[in-house]
Amino acid sequence: MVITSIKNLTTNREILKSSQIDFIKILEYGKSSLVFVFPADLQKGHSSLLISGIMTIRGKKNGFEFTGKIETSERMDNATRIQLNLVQYDRDLWRKFLRQAVSRQNKVDKLLRALKGEV
């Protein structure tokens, strides 16, 4: 998944600069949530966001757009850790993405167990 656009819905202003795209790190995916690190301060006045980007599912690139509400915001050195609760989004596309992520993680776990000699 690559986030290409973040917009503050309150001010209707883009808050992601093109130079920042490579610095967004997605940490966790949840049933209806997303946790990521953003290279700027999003703690004040940015409670609802419109996020757009691209996710690849089974080799096919899919554009996505969802609206989310910031649940928590934690300032770090030069970035902010954001937990976003998804409010409006394509639930089917999100479920497919999550299933693929779980499947990949299961394969990695199986490989690691095999390397350790565990069965």
PDB file of N, CA and C in Angstrom:
ATOM      1  N   MET A   1       0.847  -1.169   0.000  1.00  0.00           N
ATOM      2  CA  MET A   1       0.000   0.000   0.000  1.00  0.00           C
ATOM      3  C   MET A   1       0.898   1.239   0.000  1.00  0.00           C
ATOM      4  N   VAL A   2       0.545   2.191  -0.837  1.00  0.00           N
ATOM      5  CA  VAL A   2       1.268   3.459  -0.906  1.00  0.00           C
ATOM      6  C   VAL A   2       0.251   4.588  -0.780  1.00  0.00           C
ATOM      7  N   ILE A   3       0.467   5.458   0.192  1.00  0.00           N
ATOM      8  CA  ILE A   3      -0.382   6.639   0.359  1.00  0.00           C
ATOM      9  C   ILE A   3       0.186   7.747  -0.502  1.00  0.00           C
ATOM     10  N   THR A   4      -0.650   8.322  -1.366  1.00  0.00           N
ATOM     11  CA  THR A   4      -0.171   9.369  -2.266  1.00  0.00           C
ATOM     12  C   THR A   4      -0.782  10.734  -1.979  1.00  0.00           C
ATOM     13  N   SER A   5      -1.826  10.764  -1.144  1.00  0.00           N
ATOM     14  CA  SER A   5      -2.487  12.029  -0.866  1.00  0.00           C
ATOM     15  C   SER A   5      -3.152  11.977   0.504  1.00  0.00           C
ATOM     16  N   ILE A   6      -2.979  13.050   1.272  1.00  0.00           N
ATOM     17  CA  ILE A   6      -3.683  13.209   2.543  1.00  0.00           C
ATOM     18  C   ILE A   6      -4.240  14.622   2.569  1.00  0.00           C
ATOM     19  N   LYS A   7      -5.549  14.698   2.783  1.00  0.00           N
ATOM     20  CA  LYS A   7      -6.222  15.998   2.791  1.00  0.00           C
ATOM     21  C   LYS A   7      -6.952  16.185   4.117  1.00  0.00           C
ATOM     22  N   ASN A   8      -6.833  17.367   4.690  1.00  0.00           N
ATOM     23  CA  ASN A   8      -7.585  17.737   5.885  1.00  0.00           C
ATOM     24  C   ASN A   8      -8.992  18.105   5.426  1.00  0.00           C
ATOM     25  N   LEU A   9      -9.990  17.358   5.874  1.00  0.00           N
ATOM     26  CA  LEU A   9     -11.354  17.610   5.418  1.00  0.00           C
ATOM     27  C   LEU A   9     -11.970  18.852   6.050  1.00  0.00           C
ATOM     28  N   THR A  10     -11.458  19.266   7.193  1.00  0.00           N
ATOM     29  CA  THR A  10     -11.986  20.468   7.837  1.00  0.00           C
ATOM     30  C   THR A  10     -11.628  21.715   7.039  1.00  0.00           C
ATOM     31  N   THR A  11     -10.379  21.788   6.598  1.00  0.00           N
ATOM     32  CA  THR A  11      -9.910  22.964   5.859  1.00  0.00           C
ATOM     33  C   THR A  11      -9.937  22.751   4.345  1.00  0.00           C
ATOM     34  N   ASN A  12     -10.163  21.490   3.930  1.00  0.00           N
ATOM     35  CA  ASN A  12     -10.141  21.127   2.518  1.00  0.00           C
ATOM     36  C   ASN A  12      -8.779  21.430   1.881  1.00  0.00           C
ATOM     37  N   ARG A  13      -7.709  21.213   2.662  1.00  0.00           N
ATOM     38  CA  ARG A  13      -6.351  21.484   2.171  1.00  0.00           C
ATOM     39  C   ARG A  13      -5.525  20.215   2.156  1.00  0.00           C
ATOM     40  N   GLU A  14      -4.731  20.087   1.119  1.00  0.00           N
ATOM     41  CA  GLU A  14      -3.784  18.975   1.007  1.00  0.00           C
ATOM     42  C   GLU A  14      -2.698  19.174   2.063  1.00  0.00           C
ATOM     43  N   ILE A  15      -2.388  18.131   2.821  1.00  0.00           N
ATOM     44  CA  ILE A  15      -1.361  18.279   3.857  1.00  0.00           C
ATOM     45  C   ILE A  15      -0.158  17.369   3.615  1.00  0.00           C
ATOM     46  N   LEU A  16      -0.169  16.655   2.503  1.00  0.00           N
ATOM     47  CA  LEU A  16       0.955  15.792   2.149  1.00  0.00           C
ATOM     48  C   LEU A  16       1.690  16.392   0.962  1.00  0.00           C
ATOM     49  N   LYS A  17       2.942  16.730   1.171  1.00  0.00           N
ATOM     50  CA  LYS A  17       3.761  17.246   0.073  1.00  0.00           C
ATOM     51  C   LYS A  17       4.358  16.063  -0.680  1.00  0.00           C
ATOM     52  N   SER A  18       4.567  16.224  -1.977  1.00  0.00           N
ATOM     53  CA  SER A  18       5.108  15.131  -2.781  1.00  0.00           C
ATOM     54  C   SER A  18       6.466  14.662  -2.244  1.00  0.00           C
ATOM     55  N   SER A  19       7.223  15.552  -1.641  1.00  0.00           N
ATOM     56  CA  SER A  19       8.527  15.182  -1.086  1.00  0.00           C
ATOM     57  C   SER A  19       8.393  14.312   0.161  1.00  0.00           C
ATOM     58  N   GLN A  20       7.192  14.228   0.733  1.00  0.00           N
ATOM     59  CA  GLN A  20       6.980  13.452   1.956  1.00  0.00           C
ATOM     60  C   GLN A  20       6.461  12.045   1.698  1.00  0.00           C
ATOM     61  N   ILE A  21       6.028  11.738   0.484  1.00  0.00           N
ATOM     62  CA  ILE A  21       5.388  10.451   0.190  1.00  0.00           C
ATOM     63  C   ILE A  21       6.270   9.279   0.616  1.00  0.00           C
ATOM     64  N   ASP A  22       7.553   9.330   0.326  1.00  0.00           N
ATOM     65  CA  ASP A  22       8.446   8.224   0.651  1.00  0.00           C
ATOM     66  C   ASP A  22       8.691   8.077   2.149  1.00  0.00           C
ATOM     67  N   PHE A  23       8.284   9.043   2.945  1.00  0.00           N
ATOM     68  CA  PHE A  23       8.552   9.004   4.378  1.00  0.00           C
ATOM     69  C   PHE A  23       7.359   8.544   5.206  1.00  0.00           C
ATOM     70  N   ILE A  24       6.253   8.226   4.561  1.00  0.00           N
ATOM     71  CA  ILE A  24       5.101   7.680   5.276  1.00  0.00           C
ATOM     72  C   ILE A  24       5.352   6.191   5.477  1.00  0.00           C
ATOM     73  N   LYS A  25       5.314   5.774   6.727  1.00  0.00           N
ATOM     74  CA  LYS A  25       5.520   4.366   7.040  1.00  0.00           C
ATOM     75  C   LYS A  25       4.234   3.807   7.623  1.00  0.00           C
ATOM     76  N   ILE A  26       3.700   2.788   6.975  1.00  0.00           N
ATOM     77  CA  ILE A  26       2.488   2.145   7.471  1.00  0.00           C
ATOM     78  C   ILE A  26       2.916   1.060   8.446  1.00  0.00           C
ATOM     79  N   LEU A  27       2.419   1.157   9.680  1.00  0.00           N
ATOM     80  CA  LEU A  27       2.838   0.245  10.738  1.00  0.00           C
ATOM     81  C   LEU A  27       1.877  -0.911  10.954  1.00  0.00           C
ATOM     82  N   GLU A  28       0.584  -0.646  10.895  1.00  0.00           N
ATOM     83  CA  GLU A  28      -0.415  -1.676  11.193  1.00  0.00           C
ATOM     84  C   GLU A  28      -1.660  -1.471  10.336  1.00  0.00           C
ATOM     85  N   TYR A  29      -2.323  -2.599  10.060  1.00  0.00           N
ATOM     86  CA  TYR A  29      -3.622  -2.584   9.405  1.00  0.00           C
ATOM     87  C   TYR A  29      -4.593  -3.255  10.367  1.00  0.00           C
ATOM     88  N   GLY A  30      -5.796  -2.757  10.458  1.00  0.00           N
ATOM     89  CA  GLY A  30      -6.805  -3.391  11.286  1.00  0.00           C
ATOM     90  C   GLY A  30      -8.096  -3.561  10.511  1.00  0.00           C
ATOM     91  N   LYS A  31      -9.089  -4.152  11.170  1.00  0.00           N
ATOM     92  CA  LYS A  31     -10.366  -4.409  10.518  1.00  0.00           C
ATOM     93  C   LYS A  31     -10.955  -3.138   9.914  1.00  0.00           C
ATOM     94  N   SER A  32     -10.838  -2.042  10.633  1.00  0.00           N
ATOM     95  CA  SER A  32     -11.305  -0.751  10.109  1.00  0.00           C
ATOM     96  C   SER A  32     -10.398   0.368  10.602  1.00  0.00           C
ATOM     97  N   SER A  33      -9.092   0.078  10.611  1.00  0.00           N
ATOM     98  CA  SER A  33      -8.140   1.082  11.086  1.00  0.00           C
ATOM     99  C   SER A  33      -6.809   0.957  10.356  1.00  0.00           C
ATOM    100  N   LEU A  34      -6.034   1.997  10.487  1.00  0.00           N
ATOM    101  CA  LEU A  34      -4.720   2.079   9.865  1.00  0.00           C
ATOM    102  C   LEU A  34      -3.830   2.890  10.793  1.00  0.00           C
ATOM    103  N   VAL A  35      -2.622   2.393  11.039  1.00  0.00           N
ATOM    104  CA  VAL A  35      -1.652   3.123  11.855  1.00  0.00           C
ATOM    105  C   VAL A  35      -0.455   3.426  10.962  1.00  0.00           C
ATOM    106  N   PHE A  36      -0.061   4.702  10.931  1.00  0.00           N
ATOM    107  CA  PHE A  36       1.066   5.088  10.092  1.00  0.00           C
ATOM    108  C   PHE A  36       1.840   6.227  10.737  1.00  0.00           C
ATOM    109  N   VAL A  37       3.063   6.413  10.264  1.00  0.00           N
ATOM    110  CA  VAL A  37       3.913   7.523  10.712  1.00  0.00           C
ATOM    111  C   VAL A  37       3.977   8.526   9.580  1.00  0.00           C
ATOM    112  N   PHE A  38       3.677   9.773   9.919  1.00  0.00           N
ATOM    113  CA  PHE A  38       3.636  10.864   8.953  1.00  0.00           C
ATOM    114  C   PHE A  38       4.718  11.876   9.316  1.00  0.00           C
ATOM    115  N   PRO A  39       5.490  12.356   8.346  1.00  0.00           N
ATOM    116  CA  PRO A  39       6.624  13.241   8.636  1.00  0.00           C
ATOM    117  C   PRO A  39       6.234  14.696   8.900  1.00  0.00           C
ATOM    118  N   ALA A  40       5.233  14.914   9.725  1.00  0.00           N
ATOM    119  CA  ALA A  40       4.811  16.278  10.086  1.00  0.00           C
ATOM    120  C   ALA A  40       3.926  16.182  11.325  1.00  0.00           C
ATOM    121  N   ASP A  41       3.572  17.305  11.878  1.00  0.00           N
ATOM    122  CA  ASP A  41       2.713  17.345  13.054  1.00  0.00           C
ATOM    123  C   ASP A  41       1.249  17.373  12.618  1.00  0.00           C
ATOM    124  N   LEU A  42       0.494  16.348  12.982  1.00  0.00           N
ATOM    125  CA  LEU A  42      -0.921  16.283  12.649  1.00  0.00           C
ATOM    126  C   LEU A  42      -1.789  16.299  13.895  1.00  0.00           C
ATOM    127  N   GLN A  43      -1.289  16.840  14.986  1.00  0.00           N
ATOM    128  CA  GLN A  43      -2.015  16.752  16.243  1.00  0.00           C
ATOM    129  C   GLN A  43      -3.138  17.764  16.370  1.00  0.00           C
ATOM    130  N   LYS A  44      -3.004  18.909  15.798  1.00  0.00           N
ATOM    131  CA  LYS A  44      -3.989  19.964  16.017  1.00  0.00           C
ATOM    132  C   LYS A  44      -4.762  20.277  14.746  1.00  0.00           C
ATOM    133  N   GLY A  45      -6.074  20.239  14.838  1.00  0.00           N
ATOM    134  CA  GLY A  45      -6.910  20.681  13.728  1.00  0.00           C
ATOM    135  C   GLY A  45      -6.985  19.746  12.540  1.00  0.00           C
ATOM    136  N   HIS A  46      -6.569  18.520  12.703  1.00  0.00           N
ATOM    137  CA  HIS A  46      -6.582  17.568  11.589  1.00  0.00           C
ATOM    138  C   HIS A  46      -7.346  16.309  11.997  1.00  0.00           C
ATOM    139  N   SER A  47      -8.535  16.449  12.523  1.00  0.00           N
ATOM    140  CA  SER A  47      -9.219  15.277  13.063  1.00  0.00           C
ATOM    141  C   SER A  47      -9.806  14.360  12.002  1.00  0.00           C
ATOM    142  N   SER A  48     -10.217  14.872  10.856  1.00  0.00           N
ATOM    143  CA  SER A  48     -10.756  14.035   9.777  1.00  0.00           C
ATOM    144  C   SER A  48      -9.897  14.189   8.529  1.00  0.00           C
ATOM    145  N   LEU A  49      -9.490  13.038   7.976  1.00  0.00           N
ATOM    146  CA  LEU A  49      -8.589  13.047   6.829  1.00  0.00           C
ATOM    147  C   LEU A  49      -9.183  12.255   5.674  1.00  0.00           C
ATOM    148  N   LEU A  50      -8.877  12.685   4.468  1.00  0.00           N
ATOM    149  CA  LEU A  50      -9.169  11.936   3.256  1.00  0.00           C
ATOM    150  C   LEU A  50      -7.839  11.413   2.749  1.00  0.00           C
ATOM    151  N   ILE A  51      -7.711  10.102   2.665  1.00  0.00           N
ATOM    152  CA  ILE A  51      -6.454   9.482   2.254  1.00  0.00           C
ATOM    153  C   ILE A  51      -6.671   8.745   0.938  1.00  0.00           C
ATOM    154  N   SER A  52      -5.760   8.968   0.004  1.00  0.00           N
ATOM    155  CA  SER A  52      -5.815   8.300  -1.299  1.00  0.00           C
ATOM    156  C   SER A  52      -4.489   7.610  -1.546  1.00  0.00           C
ATOM    157  N   GLY A  53      -4.537   6.593  -2.389  1.00  0.00           N
ATOM    158  CA  GLY A  53      -3.306   5.901  -2.726  1.00  0.00           C
ATOM    159  C   GLY A  53      -3.547   4.713  -3.617  1.00  0.00           C
ATOM    160  N   ILE A  54      -2.576   3.791  -3.572  1.00  0.00           N
ATOM    161  CA  ILE A  54      -2.615   2.600  -4.415  1.00  0.00           C
ATOM    162  C   ILE A  54      -2.282   1.391  -3.553  1.00  0.00           C
ATOM    163  N   MET A  55      -3.077   0.335  -3.707  1.00  0.00           N
ATOM    164  CA  MET A  55      -2.753  -0.934  -3.065  1.00  0.00           C
ATOM    165  C   MET A  55      -2.763  -2.019  -4.133  1.00  0.00           C
ATOM    166  N   THR A  56      -1.855  -2.967  -3.986  1.00  0.00           N
ATOM    167  CA  THR A  56      -1.758  -4.064  -4.935  1.00  0.00           C
ATOM    168  C   THR A  56      -2.360  -5.307  -4.307  1.00  0.00           C
ATOM    169  N   ILE A  57      -3.334  -5.888  -5.002  1.00  0.00           N
ATOM    170  CA  ILE A  57      -3.977  -7.114  -4.540  1.00  0.00           C
ATOM    171  C   ILE A  57      -3.877  -8.135  -5.661  1.00  0.00           C
ATOM    172  N   ARG A  58      -3.191  -9.238  -5.359  1.00  0.00           N
ATOM    173  CA  ARG A  58      -2.987 -10.315  -6.340  1.00  0.00           C
ATOM    174  C   ARG A  58      -2.400  -9.787  -7.639  1.00  0.00           C
ATOM    175  N   GLY A  59      -1.418  -8.923  -7.526  1.00  0.00           N
ATOM    176  CA  GLY A  59      -0.725  -8.394  -8.686  1.00  0.00           C
ATOM    177  C   GLY A  59      -1.423  -7.266  -9.416  1.00  0.00           C
ATOM    178  N   LYS A  60      -2.627  -6.921  -8.982  1.00  0.00           N
ATOM    179  CA  LYS A  60      -3.370  -5.856  -9.648  1.00  0.00           C
ATOM    180  C   LYS A  60      -3.372  -4.600  -8.777  1.00  0.00           C
ATOM    181  N   LYS A  61      -3.018  -3.469  -9.391  1.00  0.00           N
ATOM    182  CA  LYS A  61      -3.009  -2.200  -8.655  1.00  0.00           C
ATOM    183  C   LYS A  61      -4.425  -1.642  -8.582  1.00  0.00           C
ATOM    184  N   ASN A  62      -4.808  -1.252  -7.379  1.00  0.00           N
ATOM    185  CA  ASN A  62      -6.136  -0.697  -7.141  1.00  0.00           C
ATOM    186  C   ASN A  62      -5.995   0.670  -6.492  1.00  0.00           C
ATOM    187  N   GLY A  63      -6.649   1.660  -7.058  1.00  0.00           N
ATOM    188  CA  GLY A  63      -6.681   2.961  -6.408  1.00  0.00           C
ATOM    189  C   GLY A  63      -7.646   2.886  -5.239  1.00  0.00           C
ATOM    190  N   PHE A  64      -7.350   3.613  -4.190  1.00  0.00           N
ATOM    191  CA  PHE A  64      -8.261   3.650  -3.056  1.00  0.00           C
ATOM    192  C   PHE A  64      -8.382   5.069  -2.529  1.00  0.00           C
ATOM    193  N   GLU A  65      -9.488   5.289  -1.844  1.00  0.00           N
ATOM    194  CA  GLU A  65      -9.728   6.571  -1.192  1.00  0.00           C
ATOM    195  C   GLU A  65     -10.609   6.270   0.019  1.00  0.00           C
ATOM    196  N   PHE A  66     -10.180   6.739   1.175  1.00  0.00           N
ATOM    197  CA  PHE A  66     -11.034   6.566   2.334  1.00  0.00           C
ATOM    198  C   PHE A  66     -10.948   7.766   3.260  1.00  0.00           C
ATOM    199  N   THR A  67     -12.012   7.917   4.013  1.00  0.00           N
ATOM    200  CA  THR A  67     -12.101   8.977   5.003  1.00  0.00           C
ATOM    201  C   THR A  67     -11.905   8.344   6.365  1.00  0.00           C
ATOM    202  N   GLY A  68     -11.119   9.004   7.188  1.00  0.00           N
ATOM    203  CA  GLY A  68     -10.875   8.476   8.522  1.00  0.00           C
ATOM    204  C   GLY A  68     -10.804   9.581   9.554  1.00  0.00           C
ATOM    205  N   LYS A  69     -11.015   9.167  10.778  1.00  0.00           N
ATOM    206  CA  LYS A  69     -10.947  10.089  11.916  1.00  0.00           C
ATOM    207  C   LYS A  69      -9.736   9.697  12.749  1.00  0.00           C
ATOM    208  N   ILE A  70      -8.931  10.678  13.110  1.00  0.00           N
ATOM    209  CA  ILE A  70      -7.755  10.400  13.922  1.00  0.00           C
ATOM    210  C   ILE A  70      -8.203   9.992  15.324  1.00  0.00           C
ATOM    211  N   GLU A  71      -7.854   8.762  15.700  1.00  0.00           N
ATOM    212  CA  GLU A  71      -8.177   8.238  17.034  1.00  0.00           C
ATOM    213  C   GLU A  71      -7.109   8.664  18.036  1.00  0.00           C
ATOM    214  N   THR A  72      -5.844   8.439  17.659  1.00  0.00           N
ATOM    215  CA  THR A  72      -4.728   8.880  18.503  1.00  0.00           C
ATOM    216  C   THR A  72      -3.660   9.501  17.612  1.00  0.00           C
ATOM    217  N   SER A  73      -2.911  10.382  18.217  1.00  0.00           N
ATOM    218  CA  SER A  73      -1.844  11.086  17.523  1.00  0.00           C
ATOM    219  C   SER A  73      -0.703  11.251  18.517  1.00  0.00           C
ATOM    220  N   GLU A  74       0.450  10.675  18.187  1.00  0.00           N
ATOM    221  CA  GLU A  74       1.592  10.722  19.098  1.00  0.00           C
ATOM    222  C   GLU A  74       2.788  11.352  18.394  1.00  0.00           C
ATOM    223  N   ARG A  75       3.225  12.483  18.898  1.00  0.00           N
ATOM    224  CA  ARG A  75       4.362  13.197  18.311  1.00  0.00           C
ATOM    225  C   ARG A  75       5.643  12.446  18.611  1.00  0.00           C
ATOM    226  N   MET A  76       6.455  12.239  17.577  1.00  0.00           N
ATOM    227  CA  MET A  76       7.759  11.600  17.713  1.00  0.00           C
ATOM    228  C   MET A  76       8.811  12.650  17.351  1.00  0.00           C
ATOM    229  N   ASP A  77      10.048  12.259  17.116  1.00  0.00           N
ATOM    230  CA  ASP A  77      11.108  13.227  16.817  1.00  0.00           C
ATOM    231  C   ASP A  77      10.705  14.212  15.730  1.00  0.00           C
ATOM    232  N   ASN A  78      10.668  13.773  14.494  1.00  0.00           N
ATOM    233  CA  ASN A  78      10.309  14.639  13.371  1.00  0.00           C
ATOM    234  C   ASN A  78       9.089  14.111  12.635  1.00  0.00           C
ATOM    235  N   ALA A  79       8.228  13.427  13.361  1.00  0.00           N
ATOM    236  CA  ALA A  79       7.068  12.806  12.720  1.00  0.00           C
ATOM    237  C   ALA A  79       5.947  12.647  13.744  1.00  0.00           C
ATOM    238  N   THR A  80       4.822  12.130  13.253  1.00  0.00           N
ATOM    239  CA  THR A  80       3.667  11.869  14.106  1.00  0.00           C
ATOM    240  C   THR A  80       3.152  10.472  13.811  1.00  0.00           C
ATOM    241  N   ARG A  81       2.927   9.690  14.866  1.00  0.00           N
ATOM    242  CA  ARG A  81       2.311   8.360  14.732  1.00  0.00           C
ATOM    243  C   ARG A  81       0.803   8.558  14.834  1.00  0.00           C
ATOM    244  N   ILE A  82       0.086   8.132  13.798  1.00  0.00           N
ATOM    245  CA  ILE A  82      -1.356   8.355  13.689  1.00  0.00           C
ATOM    246  C   ILE A  82      -2.093   7.020  13.693  1.00  0.00           C
ATOM    247  N   GLN A  83      -3.121   6.916  14.526  1.00  0.00           N
ATOM    248  CA  GLN A  83      -4.055   5.793  14.414  1.00  0.00           C
ATOM    249  C   GLN A  83      -5.332   6.366  13.843  1.00  0.00           C
ATOM    250  N   LEU A  84      -5.693   5.892  12.671  1.00  0.00           N
ATOM    251  CA  LEU A  84      -6.841   6.404  11.938  1.00  0.00           C
ATOM    252  C   LEU A  84      -7.942   5.354  11.906  1.00  0.00           C
ATOM    253  N   ASN A  85      -9.118   5.712  12.371  1.00  0.00           N
ATOM    254  CA  ASN A  85     -10.286   4.835  12.243  1.00  0.00           C
ATOM    255  C   ASN A  85     -10.963   5.151  10.929  1.00  0.00           C
ATOM    256  N   LEU A  86     -11.108   4.134  10.090  1.00  0.00           N
ATOM    257  CA  LEU A  86     -11.717   4.331   8.786  1.00  0.00           C
ATOM    258  C   LEU A  86     -13.227   4.504   8.947  1.00  0.00           C
ATOM    259  N   VAL A  87     -13.771   5.522   8.283  1.00  0.00           N
ATOM    260  CA  VAL A  87     -15.187   5.838   8.397  1.00  0.00           C
ATOM    261  C   VAL A  87     -15.907   5.521   7.086  1.00  0.00           C
ATOM    262  N   GLN A  88     -15.411   6.066   5.991  1.00  0.00           N
ATOM    263  CA  GLN A  88     -15.991   5.799   4.675  1.00  0.00           C
ATOM    264  C   GLN A  88     -14.895   5.194   3.799  1.00  0.00           C
ATOM    265  N   TYR A  89     -15.140   3.961   3.347  1.00  0.00           N
ATOM    266  CA  TYR A  89     -14.142   3.261   2.541  1.00  0.00           C
ATOM    267  C   TYR A  89     -14.798   2.075   1.860  1.00  0.00           C
ATOM    268  N   ASP A  90     -14.133   1.537   0.865  1.00  0.00           N
ATOM    269  CA  ASP A  90     -14.606   0.352   0.149  1.00  0.00           C
ATOM    270  C   ASP A  90     -14.277  -0.866   1.008  1.00  0.00           C
ATOM    271  N   ARG A  91     -15.271  -1.360   1.723  1.00  0.00           N
ATOM    272  CA  ARG A  91     -15.061  -2.458   2.664  1.00  0.00           C
ATOM    273  C   ARG A  91     -14.585  -3.733   1.977  1.00  0.00           C
ATOM    274  N   ASP A  92     -15.105  -4.020   0.795  1.00  0.00           N
ATOM    275  CA  ASP A  92     -14.675  -5.221   0.069  1.00  0.00           C
ATOM    276  C   ASP A  92     -13.201  -5.142  -0.319  1.00  0.00           C
ATOM    277  N   LEU A  93     -12.787  -4.018  -0.861  1.00  0.00           N
ATOM    278  CA  LEU A  93     -11.387  -3.834  -1.235  1.00  0.00           C
ATOM    279  C   LEU A  93     -10.493  -3.929  -0.005  1.00  0.00           C
ATOM    280  N   TRP A  94     -10.888  -3.325   1.103  1.00  0.00           N
ATOM    281  CA  TRP A  94     -10.097  -3.343   2.339  1.00  0.00           C
ATOM    282  C   TRP A  94      -9.978  -4.781   2.874  1.00  0.00           C
ATOM    283  N   ARG A  95     -11.077  -5.539   2.851  1.00  0.00           N
ATOM    284  CA  ARG A  95     -11.043  -6.937   3.314  1.00  0.00           C
ATOM    285  C   ARG A  95     -10.106  -7.777   2.452  1.00  0.00           C
ATOM    286  N   LYS A  96     -10.151  -7.578   1.137  1.00  0.00           N
ATOM    287  CA  LYS A  96      -9.244  -8.320   0.246  1.00  0.00           C
ATOM    288  C   LYS A  96      -7.790  -7.986   0.577  1.00  0.00           C
ATOM    289  N   PHE A  97      -7.531  -6.716   0.816  1.00  0.00           N
ATOM    290  CA  PHE A  97      -6.175  -6.294   1.160  1.00  0.00           C
ATOM    291  C   PHE A  97      -5.727  -6.937   2.470  1.00  0.00           C
ATOM    292  N   LEU A  98      -6.596  -6.947   3.476  1.00  0.00           N
ATOM    293  CA  LEU A  98      -6.251  -7.544   4.771  1.00  0.00           C
ATOM    294  C   LEU A  98      -6.015  -9.049   4.642  1.00  0.00           C
ATOM    295  N   ARG A  99      -6.871  -9.734   3.877  1.00  0.00           N
ATOM    296  CA  ARG A  99      -6.681 -11.178   3.687  1.00  0.00           C
ATOM    297  C   ARG A  99      -5.327 -11.466   3.036  1.00  0.00           C
ATOM    298  N   GLN A 100      -4.954 -10.648   2.062  1.00  0.00           N
ATOM    299  CA  GLN A 100      -3.661 -10.834   1.403  1.00  0.00           C
ATOM    300  C   GLN A 100      -2.521 -10.600   2.391  1.00  0.00           C
ATOM    301  N   ALA A 101      -2.627  -9.574   3.223  1.00  0.00           N
ATOM    302  CA  ALA A 101      -1.584  -9.278   4.211  1.00  0.00           C
ATOM    303  C   ALA A 101      -1.440 -10.422   5.215  1.00  0.00           C
ATOM    304  N   VAL A 102      -2.559 -10.970   5.676  1.00  0.00           N
ATOM    305  CA  VAL A 102      -2.529 -12.095   6.618  1.00  0.00           C
ATOM    306  C   VAL A 102      -1.902 -13.322   5.953  1.00  0.00           C
ATOM    307  N   SER A 103      -2.275 -13.583   4.716  1.00  0.00           N
ATOM    308  CA  SER A 103      -1.731 -14.721   3.985  1.00  0.00           C
ATOM    309  C   SER A 103      -0.214 -14.606   3.838  1.00  0.00           C
ATOM    310  N   ARG A 104       0.246 -13.430   3.498  1.00  0.00           N
ATOM    311  CA  ARG A 104       1.696 -13.214   3.363  1.00  0.00           C
ATOM    312  C   ARG A 104       2.408 -13.413   4.693  1.00  0.00           C
ATOM    313  N   GLN A 105       1.819 -12.897   5.769  1.00  0.00           N
ATOM    314  CA  GLN A 105       2.435 -13.044   7.085  1.00  0.00           C
ATOM    315  C   GLN A 105       2.486 -14.512   7.497  1.00  0.00           C
ATOM    316  N   ASN A 106       1.424 -15.266   7.198  1.00  0.00           N
ATOM    317  CA  ASN A 106       1.415 -16.698   7.521  1.00  0.00           C
ATOM    318  C   ASN A 106       2.522 -17.434   6.780  1.00  0.00           C
ATOM    319  N   LYS A 107       2.766 -17.067   5.517  1.00  0.00           N
ATOM    320  CA  LYS A 107       3.844 -17.694   4.749  1.00  0.00           C
ATOM    321  C   LYS A 107       5.207 -17.367   5.352  1.00  0.00           C
ATOM    322  N   VAL A 108       5.394 -16.132   5.778  1.00  0.00           N
ATOM    323  CA  VAL A 108       6.654 -15.731   6.412  1.00  0.00           C
ATOM    324  C   VAL A 108       6.841 -16.496   7.718  1.00  0.00           C
ATOM    325  N   ASP A 109       5.781 -16.590   8.518  1.00  0.00           N
ATOM    326  CA  ASP A 109       5.860 -17.317   9.786  1.00  0.00           C
ATOM    327  C   ASP A 109       6.223 -18.783   9.557  1.00  0.00           C
ATOM    328  N   LYS A 110       5.605 -19.404   8.545  1.00  0.00           N
ATOM    329  CA  LYS A 110       5.881 -20.809   8.221  1.00  0.00           C
ATOM    330  C   LYS A 110       7.336 -20.991   7.803  1.00  0.00           C
ATOM    331  N   LEU A 111       7.837 -20.075   6.984  1.00  0.00           N
ATOM    332  CA  LEU A 111       9.233 -20.131   6.547  1.00  0.00           C
ATOM    333  C   LEU A 111      10.183 -19.978   7.730  1.00  0.00           C
ATOM    334  N   LEU A 112       9.896 -19.047   8.620  1.00  0.00           N
ATOM    335  CA  LEU A 112      10.744 -18.839   9.788  1.00  0.00           C
ATOM    336  C   LEU A 112      10.756 -20.075  10.700  1.00  0.00           C
ATOM    337  N   ARG A 113       9.595 -20.697  10.883  1.00  0.00           N
ATOM    338  CA  ARG A 113       9.531 -21.912  11.689  1.00  0.00           C
ATOM    339  C   ARG A 113      10.364 -23.015  11.049  1.00  0.00           C
ATOM    340  N   ALA A 114      10.293 -23.139   9.722  1.00  0.00           N
ATOM    341  CA  ALA A 114      11.061 -24.165   9.016  1.00  0.00           C
ATOM    342  C   ALA A 114      12.563 -23.915   9.155  1.00  0.00           C
ATOM    343  N   LEU A 115      12.974 -22.654   9.084  1.00  0.00           N
ATOM    344  CA  LEU A 115      14.389 -22.316   9.240  1.00  0.00           C
ATOM    345  C   LEU A 115      14.904 -22.616  10.646  1.00  0.00           C
ATOM    346  N   LYS A 116      14.015 -22.505  11.627  1.00  0.00           N
ATOM    347  CA  LYS A 116      14.384 -22.802  13.013  1.00  0.00           C
ATOM    348  C   LYS A 116      14.295 -24.291  13.327  1.00  0.00           C
ATOM    349  N   GLY A 117      13.800 -25.085  12.372  1.00  0.00           N
ATOM    350  CA  GLY A 117      13.652 -26.510  12.581  1.00  0.00           C
ATOM    351  C   GLY A 117      12.373 -26.892  13.288  1.00  0.00           C
ATOM    352  N   GLU A 118      11.455 -25.964  13.407  1.00  0.00           N
ATOM    353  CA  GLU A 118      10.161 -26.242  14.018  1.00  0.00           C
ATOM    354  C   GLU A 118       9.201 -26.722  12.939  1.00  0.00           C
ATOM    355  N   VAL A 119       8.300 -27.573  13.298  1.00  0.00           N
ATOM    356  CA  VAL A 119       7.335 -28.050  12.296  1.00  0.00           C
ATOM    357  C   VAL A 119       5.942 -27.656  12.667  1.00  0.00           C
TER     358      VAL A 119
END
